[in-house]
């Protein structure tokens, strides 16, 4: 019995770690890796993502979160590089509210941010790099995303 408990606990920990995503995602349907762009969304998914992200409350919340992270970094992180998770989260928030119909995955390694997934228009694809670079600590942006299916466009 004493030998069984560590085995069970380690199994639970391993499955818990495996369930965690390694990337920050703009929607639940976004790819789980920056190595793939995932499947194109259907119309219902696009409209649902768009209505959530374009909500004034959601936009204000995301912008407030970004400002709060910046303030914490100013107070406690002076002279330190920002963590990869912090960059991923801020870039994801920025993309989520500015490209609401997207399905993007964001990964960061030492200030280099990679973005994969699907957007609806070329204009949205072109917005990814400048938006990501607005986040302090982002040194370079690699855009692996692509324009998805021909769905009713979201003009922003």
N, C-alpha and C. Protein backbone atom coordinates (compact mmCIF):
# COMPACT_ATOMS: atom_id res chain seq x y z
N UNK A 1 0.82 -1.20 0.00
CA UNK A 1 0.00 0.00 0.00
C UNK A 1 0.86 1.26 0.00
N UNK A 2 1.97 1.24 0.80
CA UNK A 2 2.83 2.41 0.86
C UNK A 2 3.48 2.72 -0.49
N UNK A 3 3.72 1.69 -1.29
CA UNK A 3 4.32 1.91 -2.60
C UNK A 3 3.28 2.33 -3.63
N UNK A 4 2.04 2.02 -3.40
CA UNK A 4 0.97 2.34 -4.34
C UNK A 4 0.61 3.83 -4.30
N UNK A 5 0.66 4.43 -3.16
CA UNK A 5 0.27 5.85 -3.02
C UNK A 5 1.16 6.76 -3.87
N UNK A 6 2.50 6.65 -3.82
CA UNK A 6 3.33 7.51 -4.68
C UNK A 6 3.06 7.30 -6.17
N UNK A 7 2.79 6.07 -6.55
CA UNK A 7 2.50 5.78 -7.96
C UNK A 7 1.21 6.48 -8.38
N UNK A 8 0.19 6.40 -7.55
CA UNK A 8 -1.08 7.04 -7.87
C UNK A 8 -0.94 8.56 -7.90
N UNK A 9 -0.22 9.11 -6.94
CA UNK A 9 -0.02 10.56 -6.91
C UNK A 9 0.77 11.04 -8.13
N UNK A 10 1.82 10.34 -8.48
CA UNK A 10 2.61 10.76 -9.64
C UNK A 10 1.80 10.64 -10.92
N UNK A 11 0.96 9.62 -11.01
CA UNK A 11 0.09 9.48 -12.18
C UNK A 11 -0.88 10.63 -12.30
N UNK A 12 -1.44 11.06 -11.16
CA UNK A 12 -2.36 12.20 -11.16
C UNK A 12 -1.65 13.48 -11.56
N UNK A 13 -0.44 13.67 -11.07
CA UNK A 13 0.32 14.87 -11.43
C UNK A 13 0.68 14.89 -12.91
N UNK A 14 1.09 13.77 -13.43
CA UNK A 14 1.45 13.70 -14.85
C UNK A 14 0.24 13.98 -15.73
N UNK A 15 -0.90 13.40 -15.40
CA UNK A 15 -2.09 13.66 -16.22
C UNK A 15 -2.55 15.10 -16.07
N UNK A 16 -2.36 15.70 -14.92
CA UNK A 16 -2.71 17.11 -14.72
C UNK A 16 -1.83 18.02 -15.55
N UNK A 17 -0.54 17.73 -15.60
CA UNK A 17 0.39 18.52 -16.40
C UNK A 17 0.08 18.35 -17.87
N UNK A 18 -0.23 17.14 -18.29
CA UNK A 18 -0.54 16.89 -19.70
C UNK A 18 -1.80 17.62 -20.13
N UNK A 19 -2.72 17.82 -19.22
CA UNK A 19 -3.98 18.49 -19.56
C UNK A 19 -3.80 19.99 -19.73
N UNK A 20 -2.75 20.55 -19.17
CA UNK A 20 -2.50 21.99 -19.28
C UNK A 20 -1.98 22.32 -20.67
N UNK A 21 -2.49 23.38 -21.23
CA UNK A 21 -2.04 23.82 -22.54
C UNK A 21 -0.74 24.59 -22.41
N UNK A 22 0.14 24.45 -23.39
CA UNK A 22 1.41 25.16 -23.37
C UNK A 22 1.32 26.53 -24.02
N UNK A 23 0.18 26.89 -24.54
CA UNK A 23 0.02 28.17 -25.22
C UNK A 23 -1.19 28.92 -24.66
N UNK A 24 -1.16 30.23 -24.84
CA UNK A 24 -2.32 31.05 -24.50
C UNK A 24 -3.21 31.11 -25.73
N UNK A 25 -4.52 30.96 -25.55
CA UNK A 25 -5.43 30.86 -26.68
C UNK A 25 -6.48 31.96 -26.63
N UNK A 26 -6.82 32.51 -27.81
CA UNK A 26 -7.84 33.55 -27.89
C UNK A 26 -9.25 33.00 -27.84
N UNK A 27 -9.41 31.70 -28.06
CA UNK A 27 -10.72 31.06 -27.95
C UNK A 27 -10.50 29.59 -27.62
N UNK A 28 -11.53 28.95 -27.13
CA UNK A 28 -11.39 27.54 -26.76
C UNK A 28 -11.14 26.66 -27.99
N UNK A 29 -11.52 27.13 -29.16
CA UNK A 29 -11.32 26.37 -30.39
C UNK A 29 -9.98 26.63 -31.05
N UNK A 30 -9.18 27.53 -30.49
CA UNK A 30 -7.87 27.83 -31.06
C UNK A 30 -6.98 26.59 -30.95
N UNK A 31 -5.95 26.52 -31.80
CA UNK A 31 -5.08 25.34 -31.75
C UNK A 31 -4.36 25.23 -30.41
N UNK A 32 -3.98 24.02 -30.04
CA UNK A 32 -3.28 23.78 -28.78
C UNK A 32 -1.77 23.91 -28.92
N UNK A 33 -1.31 24.25 -30.10
CA UNK A 33 0.11 24.37 -30.37
C UNK A 33 0.32 25.42 -31.45
N UNK A 34 1.49 26.04 -31.44
CA UNK A 34 1.79 26.99 -32.52
C UNK A 34 2.33 26.26 -33.75
N UNK A 35 2.41 24.95 -33.68
CA UNK A 35 2.89 24.16 -34.81
C UNK A 35 1.79 23.87 -35.84
N UNK A 36 0.57 24.20 -35.50
CA UNK A 36 -0.55 23.97 -36.41
C UNK A 36 -1.50 25.16 -36.34
N UNK A 37 -2.23 25.39 -37.39
CA UNK A 37 -3.22 26.47 -37.39
C UNK A 37 -4.60 25.98 -37.01
N UNK A 38 -4.76 24.69 -36.84
CA UNK A 38 -6.06 24.15 -36.43
C UNK A 38 -7.06 24.12 -37.56
N UNK A 39 -8.31 23.82 -37.18
CA UNK A 39 -9.38 23.73 -38.16
C UNK A 39 -10.06 25.08 -38.30
N UNK A 40 -10.49 25.43 -39.50
CA UNK A 40 -11.25 26.67 -39.67
C UNK A 40 -12.54 26.62 -38.85
N UNK A 41 -12.91 27.76 -38.26
CA UNK A 41 -14.13 27.79 -37.45
C UNK A 41 -15.38 27.79 -38.33
N UNK A 42 -16.49 27.34 -37.75
CA UNK A 42 -17.75 27.45 -38.47
C UNK A 42 -18.37 28.82 -38.14
N UNK A 43 -19.43 29.16 -38.81
CA UNK A 43 -20.05 30.47 -38.64
C UNK A 43 -20.50 30.72 -37.20
N UNK A 44 -21.08 29.73 -36.55
CA UNK A 44 -21.53 29.90 -35.17
C UNK A 44 -20.37 30.25 -34.24
N UNK A 45 -19.24 29.58 -34.42
CA UNK A 45 -18.07 29.86 -33.59
C UNK A 45 -17.58 31.27 -33.81
N UNK A 46 -17.50 31.70 -35.05
CA UNK A 46 -17.04 33.06 -35.36
C UNK A 46 -17.96 34.09 -34.72
N UNK A 47 -19.25 33.91 -34.87
CA UNK A 47 -20.19 34.88 -34.31
C UNK A 47 -20.15 34.89 -32.78
N UNK A 48 -19.98 33.74 -32.17
CA UNK A 48 -19.88 33.66 -30.72
C UNK A 48 -18.62 34.36 -30.22
N UNK A 49 -17.46 34.08 -30.85
CA UNK A 49 -16.21 34.72 -30.45
C UNK A 49 -16.28 36.22 -30.66
N UNK A 50 -16.87 36.62 -31.77
CA UNK A 50 -16.98 38.04 -32.08
C UNK A 50 -17.83 38.75 -31.04
N UNK A 51 -18.97 38.19 -30.69
CA UNK A 51 -19.87 38.88 -29.74
C UNK A 51 -19.25 38.96 -28.36
N UNK A 52 -18.50 37.94 -27.95
CA UNK A 52 -17.84 37.97 -26.64
C UNK A 52 -16.74 39.02 -26.62
N UNK A 53 -15.86 39.00 -27.61
CA UNK A 53 -14.71 39.89 -27.61
C UNK A 53 -15.07 41.34 -27.89
N UNK A 54 -16.16 41.58 -28.61
CA UNK A 54 -16.52 42.96 -28.92
C UNK A 54 -17.37 43.59 -27.83
N UNK A 55 -17.71 42.82 -26.82
CA UNK A 55 -18.45 43.37 -25.70
C UNK A 55 -17.61 44.46 -25.04
N UNK A 56 -18.21 45.59 -24.77
CA UNK A 56 -17.50 46.71 -24.15
C UNK A 56 -16.92 46.31 -22.80
N UNK A 57 -17.67 45.52 -22.06
CA UNK A 57 -17.19 45.06 -20.75
C UNK A 57 -15.93 44.20 -20.92
N UNK A 58 -15.95 43.28 -21.89
CA UNK A 58 -14.79 42.40 -22.12
C UNK A 58 -13.58 43.20 -22.57
N UNK A 59 -13.77 44.16 -23.46
CA UNK A 59 -12.65 44.99 -23.93
C UNK A 59 -12.05 45.77 -22.77
N UNK A 60 -12.91 46.38 -21.95
CA UNK A 60 -12.42 47.16 -20.81
C UNK A 60 -11.67 46.26 -19.83
N UNK A 61 -12.19 45.06 -19.60
CA UNK A 61 -11.55 44.12 -18.69
C UNK A 61 -10.16 43.73 -19.21
N UNK A 62 -10.05 43.40 -20.48
CA UNK A 62 -8.76 43.00 -21.05
C UNK A 62 -7.76 44.14 -21.00
N UNK A 63 -8.20 45.35 -21.35
CA UNK A 63 -7.29 46.49 -21.30
C UNK A 63 -6.86 46.80 -19.88
N UNK A 64 -7.78 46.65 -18.93
CA UNK A 64 -7.45 46.86 -17.52
C UNK A 64 -6.44 45.81 -17.04
N UNK A 65 -6.62 44.57 -17.46
CA UNK A 65 -5.68 43.50 -17.09
C UNK A 65 -4.28 43.81 -17.62
N UNK A 66 -4.20 44.27 -18.85
CA UNK A 66 -2.90 44.60 -19.45
C UNK A 66 -2.25 45.74 -18.67
N UNK A 67 -3.01 46.78 -18.35
CA UNK A 67 -2.47 47.91 -17.58
C UNK A 67 -1.98 47.46 -16.20
N UNK A 68 -2.74 46.59 -15.56
CA UNK A 68 -2.36 46.10 -14.23
C UNK A 68 -1.05 45.31 -14.30
N UNK A 69 -0.90 44.47 -15.32
CA UNK A 69 0.35 43.72 -15.46
C UNK A 69 1.53 44.66 -15.69
N UNK A 70 1.30 45.67 -16.52
CA UNK A 70 2.36 46.65 -16.78
C UNK A 70 2.76 47.37 -15.48
N UNK A 71 1.78 47.74 -14.67
CA UNK A 71 2.07 48.42 -13.41
C UNK A 71 2.83 47.51 -12.45
N UNK A 72 2.43 46.25 -12.36
CA UNK A 72 3.16 45.31 -11.50
C UNK A 72 4.59 45.13 -11.99
N UNK A 73 4.76 45.07 -13.29
CA UNK A 73 6.11 44.94 -13.84
C UNK A 73 6.93 46.17 -13.50
N UNK A 74 6.33 47.37 -13.61
CA UNK A 74 7.04 48.60 -13.27
C UNK A 74 7.50 48.60 -11.82
N UNK A 75 6.65 48.07 -10.93
CA UNK A 75 6.97 48.09 -9.50
C UNK A 75 7.97 47.00 -9.11
N UNK A 76 7.80 45.81 -9.63
CA UNK A 76 8.57 44.67 -9.13
C UNK A 76 9.56 44.07 -10.12
N UNK A 77 9.41 44.38 -11.39
CA UNK A 77 10.21 43.68 -12.38
C UNK A 77 11.31 44.50 -13.01
N UNK A 78 11.62 45.64 -12.42
CA UNK A 78 12.63 46.50 -13.04
C UNK A 78 13.96 45.77 -13.17
N UNK A 79 14.50 45.80 -14.38
CA UNK A 79 15.77 45.16 -14.65
C UNK A 79 15.65 43.67 -14.94
N UNK A 80 14.48 43.11 -14.83
CA UNK A 80 14.29 41.68 -15.08
C UNK A 80 13.55 41.49 -16.41
N UNK A 81 13.84 40.37 -17.06
CA UNK A 81 13.09 40.03 -18.27
C UNK A 81 11.70 39.55 -17.86
N UNK A 82 10.73 39.84 -18.67
CA UNK A 82 9.38 39.39 -18.38
C UNK A 82 9.28 37.89 -18.63
N UNK A 83 8.45 37.24 -17.86
CA UNK A 83 8.29 35.79 -18.02
C UNK A 83 7.57 35.49 -19.33
N UNK A 84 7.85 34.31 -19.85
CA UNK A 84 7.20 33.87 -21.09
C UNK A 84 5.69 33.82 -20.90
N UNK A 85 5.23 33.29 -19.78
CA UNK A 85 3.78 33.18 -19.52
C UNK A 85 3.13 34.55 -19.47
N UNK A 86 3.81 35.52 -18.89
CA UNK A 86 3.27 36.87 -18.80
C UNK A 86 3.13 37.46 -20.20
N UNK A 87 4.14 37.30 -21.02
CA UNK A 87 4.06 37.80 -22.40
C UNK A 87 2.95 37.11 -23.17
N UNK A 88 2.86 35.79 -23.05
CA UNK A 88 1.81 35.04 -23.75
C UNK A 88 0.43 35.56 -23.37
N UNK A 89 0.23 35.74 -22.08
CA UNK A 89 -1.08 36.17 -21.59
C UNK A 89 -1.43 37.57 -22.07
N UNK A 90 -0.47 38.49 -22.01
CA UNK A 90 -0.76 39.86 -22.46
C UNK A 90 -1.00 39.94 -23.96
N UNK A 91 -0.19 39.24 -24.73
CA UNK A 91 -0.38 39.24 -26.18
C UNK A 91 -1.72 38.60 -26.53
N UNK A 92 -2.05 37.50 -25.87
CA UNK A 92 -3.34 36.85 -26.12
C UNK A 92 -4.49 37.81 -25.84
N UNK A 93 -4.43 38.52 -24.72
CA UNK A 93 -5.49 39.48 -24.38
C UNK A 93 -5.60 40.57 -25.44
N UNK A 94 -4.46 41.07 -25.87
CA UNK A 94 -4.44 42.15 -26.87
C UNK A 94 -5.05 41.66 -28.18
N UNK A 95 -4.69 40.46 -28.60
CA UNK A 95 -5.22 39.93 -29.86
C UNK A 95 -6.70 39.59 -29.73
N UNK A 96 -7.08 39.05 -28.60
CA UNK A 96 -8.46 38.62 -28.39
C UNK A 96 -9.46 39.77 -28.54
N UNK A 97 -9.13 40.94 -27.98
CA UNK A 97 -10.08 42.05 -28.05
C UNK A 97 -9.95 42.86 -29.33
N UNK A 98 -8.83 42.75 -30.02
CA UNK A 98 -8.66 43.52 -31.26
C UNK A 98 -8.92 42.73 -32.52
N UNK A 99 -8.89 41.40 -32.41
CA UNK A 99 -9.20 40.53 -33.55
C UNK A 99 -10.20 39.49 -33.02
N UNK A 100 -11.43 39.93 -32.76
CA UNK A 100 -12.39 39.10 -32.02
C UNK A 100 -12.84 37.82 -32.69
N UNK A 101 -12.77 37.71 -33.97
CA UNK A 101 -13.26 36.49 -34.61
C UNK A 101 -12.13 35.50 -34.88
N UNK A 102 -11.00 35.70 -34.21
CA UNK A 102 -9.84 34.85 -34.45
C UNK A 102 -9.84 33.61 -33.56
N UNK A 103 -9.02 32.65 -33.99
CA UNK A 103 -8.73 31.46 -33.20
C UNK A 103 -7.21 31.34 -33.20
N UNK A 104 -6.57 31.98 -32.23
CA UNK A 104 -5.12 32.08 -32.23
C UNK A 104 -4.51 31.44 -30.99
N UNK A 105 -3.34 30.86 -31.17
CA UNK A 105 -2.53 30.33 -30.07
C UNK A 105 -1.26 31.17 -30.00
N UNK A 106 -0.87 31.53 -28.78
CA UNK A 106 0.29 32.40 -28.57
C UNK A 106 1.30 31.67 -27.69
N UNK A 107 2.55 31.68 -28.12
CA UNK A 107 3.63 31.08 -27.36
C UNK A 107 4.77 32.09 -27.31
N UNK A 108 5.50 32.13 -26.19
CA UNK A 108 6.62 33.06 -26.05
C UNK A 108 7.83 32.33 -25.51
N UNK A 109 8.98 32.66 -26.05
CA UNK A 109 10.26 32.12 -25.58
C UNK A 109 11.28 33.25 -25.61
N UNK A 110 11.68 33.72 -24.43
CA UNK A 110 12.70 34.76 -24.29
C UNK A 110 12.40 36.00 -25.12
N UNK A 111 11.16 36.45 -25.09
CA UNK A 111 10.78 37.67 -25.79
C UNK A 111 10.35 37.48 -27.23
N UNK A 112 10.51 36.29 -27.77
CA UNK A 112 10.07 36.00 -29.14
C UNK A 112 8.69 35.35 -29.05
N UNK A 113 7.71 36.02 -29.61
CA UNK A 113 6.33 35.57 -29.55
C UNK A 113 5.94 34.95 -30.88
N UNK A 114 5.38 33.74 -30.83
CA UNK A 114 4.88 33.05 -32.03
C UNK A 114 3.37 32.98 -31.93
N UNK A 115 2.71 33.28 -33.05
CA UNK A 115 1.25 33.26 -33.10
C UNK A 115 0.82 32.38 -34.27
N UNK A 116 0.00 31.37 -33.98
CA UNK A 116 -0.54 30.49 -35.00
C UNK A 116 -2.05 30.46 -34.87
N UNK A 117 -2.72 30.03 -35.91
CA UNK A 117 -4.17 29.91 -35.86
C UNK A 117 -4.81 30.47 -37.11
N UNK A 118 -6.05 30.90 -36.93
CA UNK A 118 -6.86 31.33 -38.07
C UNK A 118 -7.51 32.67 -37.78
N UNK A 119 -7.45 33.56 -38.77
CA UNK A 119 -8.19 34.83 -38.74
C UNK A 119 -9.07 34.86 -39.98
N UNK A 120 -10.01 35.81 -40.02
CA UNK A 120 -10.95 35.84 -41.15
C UNK A 120 -10.46 36.62 -42.36
N UNK A 121 -9.64 37.64 -42.14
CA UNK A 121 -9.25 38.50 -43.26
C UNK A 121 -7.75 38.76 -43.27
N UNK A 122 -7.26 39.21 -44.40
CA UNK A 122 -5.85 39.59 -44.51
C UNK A 122 -5.56 40.79 -43.60
N UNK A 123 -6.51 41.69 -43.47
CA UNK A 123 -6.34 42.85 -42.59
C UNK A 123 -6.10 42.40 -41.14
N UNK A 124 -6.86 41.40 -40.68
CA UNK A 124 -6.67 40.89 -39.34
C UNK A 124 -5.30 40.21 -39.21
N UNK A 125 -4.89 39.48 -40.22
CA UNK A 125 -3.58 38.83 -40.21
C UNK A 125 -2.48 39.88 -40.09
N UNK A 126 -2.63 40.98 -40.82
CA UNK A 126 -1.65 42.06 -40.79
C UNK A 126 -1.62 42.79 -39.44
N UNK A 127 -2.69 42.69 -38.66
CA UNK A 127 -2.76 43.37 -37.36
C UNK A 127 -1.99 42.62 -36.27
N UNK A 128 -1.73 41.34 -36.44
CA UNK A 128 -1.14 40.52 -35.38
C UNK A 128 0.21 41.07 -34.92
N UNK A 129 1.11 41.28 -35.84
CA UNK A 129 2.46 41.70 -35.46
C UNK A 129 2.47 43.06 -34.75
N UNK A 130 1.84 44.11 -35.29
CA UNK A 130 1.88 45.39 -34.59
C UNK A 130 1.21 45.35 -33.21
N UNK A 131 0.12 44.60 -33.09
CA UNK A 131 -0.55 44.50 -31.79
C UNK A 131 0.35 43.80 -30.77
N UNK A 132 0.98 42.71 -31.17
CA UNK A 132 1.86 41.98 -30.26
C UNK A 132 3.05 42.83 -29.83
N UNK A 133 3.58 43.61 -30.75
CA UNK A 133 4.75 44.45 -30.43
C UNK A 133 4.41 45.59 -29.47
N UNK A 134 3.12 45.87 -29.28
CA UNK A 134 2.74 46.91 -28.32
C UNK A 134 2.99 46.47 -26.89
N UNK A 135 3.15 45.19 -26.67
CA UNK A 135 3.37 44.66 -25.32
C UNK A 135 4.86 44.77 -24.98
N UNK A 136 5.14 45.42 -23.87
CA UNK A 136 6.52 45.61 -23.46
C UNK A 136 7.18 44.26 -23.17
N UNK A 137 8.38 44.08 -23.72
CA UNK A 137 9.10 42.83 -23.53
C UNK A 137 9.08 41.95 -24.75
N UNK A 138 8.21 42.26 -25.71
CA UNK A 138 8.16 41.48 -26.96
C UNK A 138 9.27 42.00 -27.87
N UNK A 139 10.21 41.12 -28.18
CA UNK A 139 11.35 41.49 -29.02
C UNK A 139 11.08 41.24 -30.49
N UNK A 140 10.40 40.13 -30.75
CA UNK A 140 10.14 39.75 -32.14
C UNK A 140 8.85 38.95 -32.18
N UNK A 141 8.15 39.03 -33.31
CA UNK A 141 6.89 38.31 -33.48
C UNK A 141 6.98 37.45 -34.73
N UNK A 142 6.69 36.17 -34.56
CA UNK A 142 6.64 35.23 -35.68
C UNK A 142 5.17 34.89 -35.90
N UNK A 143 4.66 35.26 -37.06
CA UNK A 143 3.25 35.02 -37.37
C UNK A 143 3.14 33.79 -38.27
N UNK A 144 2.55 32.74 -37.70
CA UNK A 144 2.32 31.50 -38.45
C UNK A 144 0.84 31.34 -38.80
N UNK A 145 0.04 32.30 -38.38
CA UNK A 145 -1.41 32.24 -38.60
C UNK A 145 -1.71 32.38 -40.09
N UNK A 146 -2.94 32.02 -40.44
CA UNK A 146 -3.36 32.13 -41.84
C UNK A 146 -4.81 32.64 -41.88
N UNK A 147 -5.19 33.09 -43.05
CA UNK A 147 -6.56 33.53 -43.27
C UNK A 147 -7.42 32.28 -43.49
N UNK A 148 -8.53 32.21 -42.77
CA UNK A 148 -9.40 31.03 -42.81
C UNK A 148 -10.45 31.10 -43.88
N UNK A 149 -11.55 30.42 -43.64
CA UNK A 149 -12.58 30.27 -44.66
C UNK A 149 -13.31 31.58 -44.93
N UNK A 150 -14.01 31.60 -46.01
CA UNK A 150 -14.76 32.79 -46.42
C UNK A 150 -16.07 32.85 -45.65
N UNK A 151 -16.02 33.44 -44.46
CA UNK A 151 -17.21 33.63 -43.64
C UNK A 151 -17.59 35.10 -43.67
N UNK A 152 -18.77 35.45 -43.23
CA UNK A 152 -19.13 36.86 -43.21
C UNK A 152 -18.06 37.65 -42.45
N UNK A 153 -17.46 38.65 -43.08
CA UNK A 153 -16.33 39.33 -42.48
C UNK A 153 -16.72 40.20 -41.28
N UNK A 154 -15.77 40.32 -40.39
CA UNK A 154 -15.89 41.26 -39.28
C UNK A 154 -15.01 42.44 -39.62
N UNK A 155 -15.57 43.59 -39.83
CA UNK A 155 -14.80 44.76 -40.25
C UNK A 155 -14.37 45.56 -39.05
N UNK A 156 -13.10 45.54 -38.78
CA UNK A 156 -12.53 46.34 -37.70
C UNK A 156 -11.30 47.01 -38.21
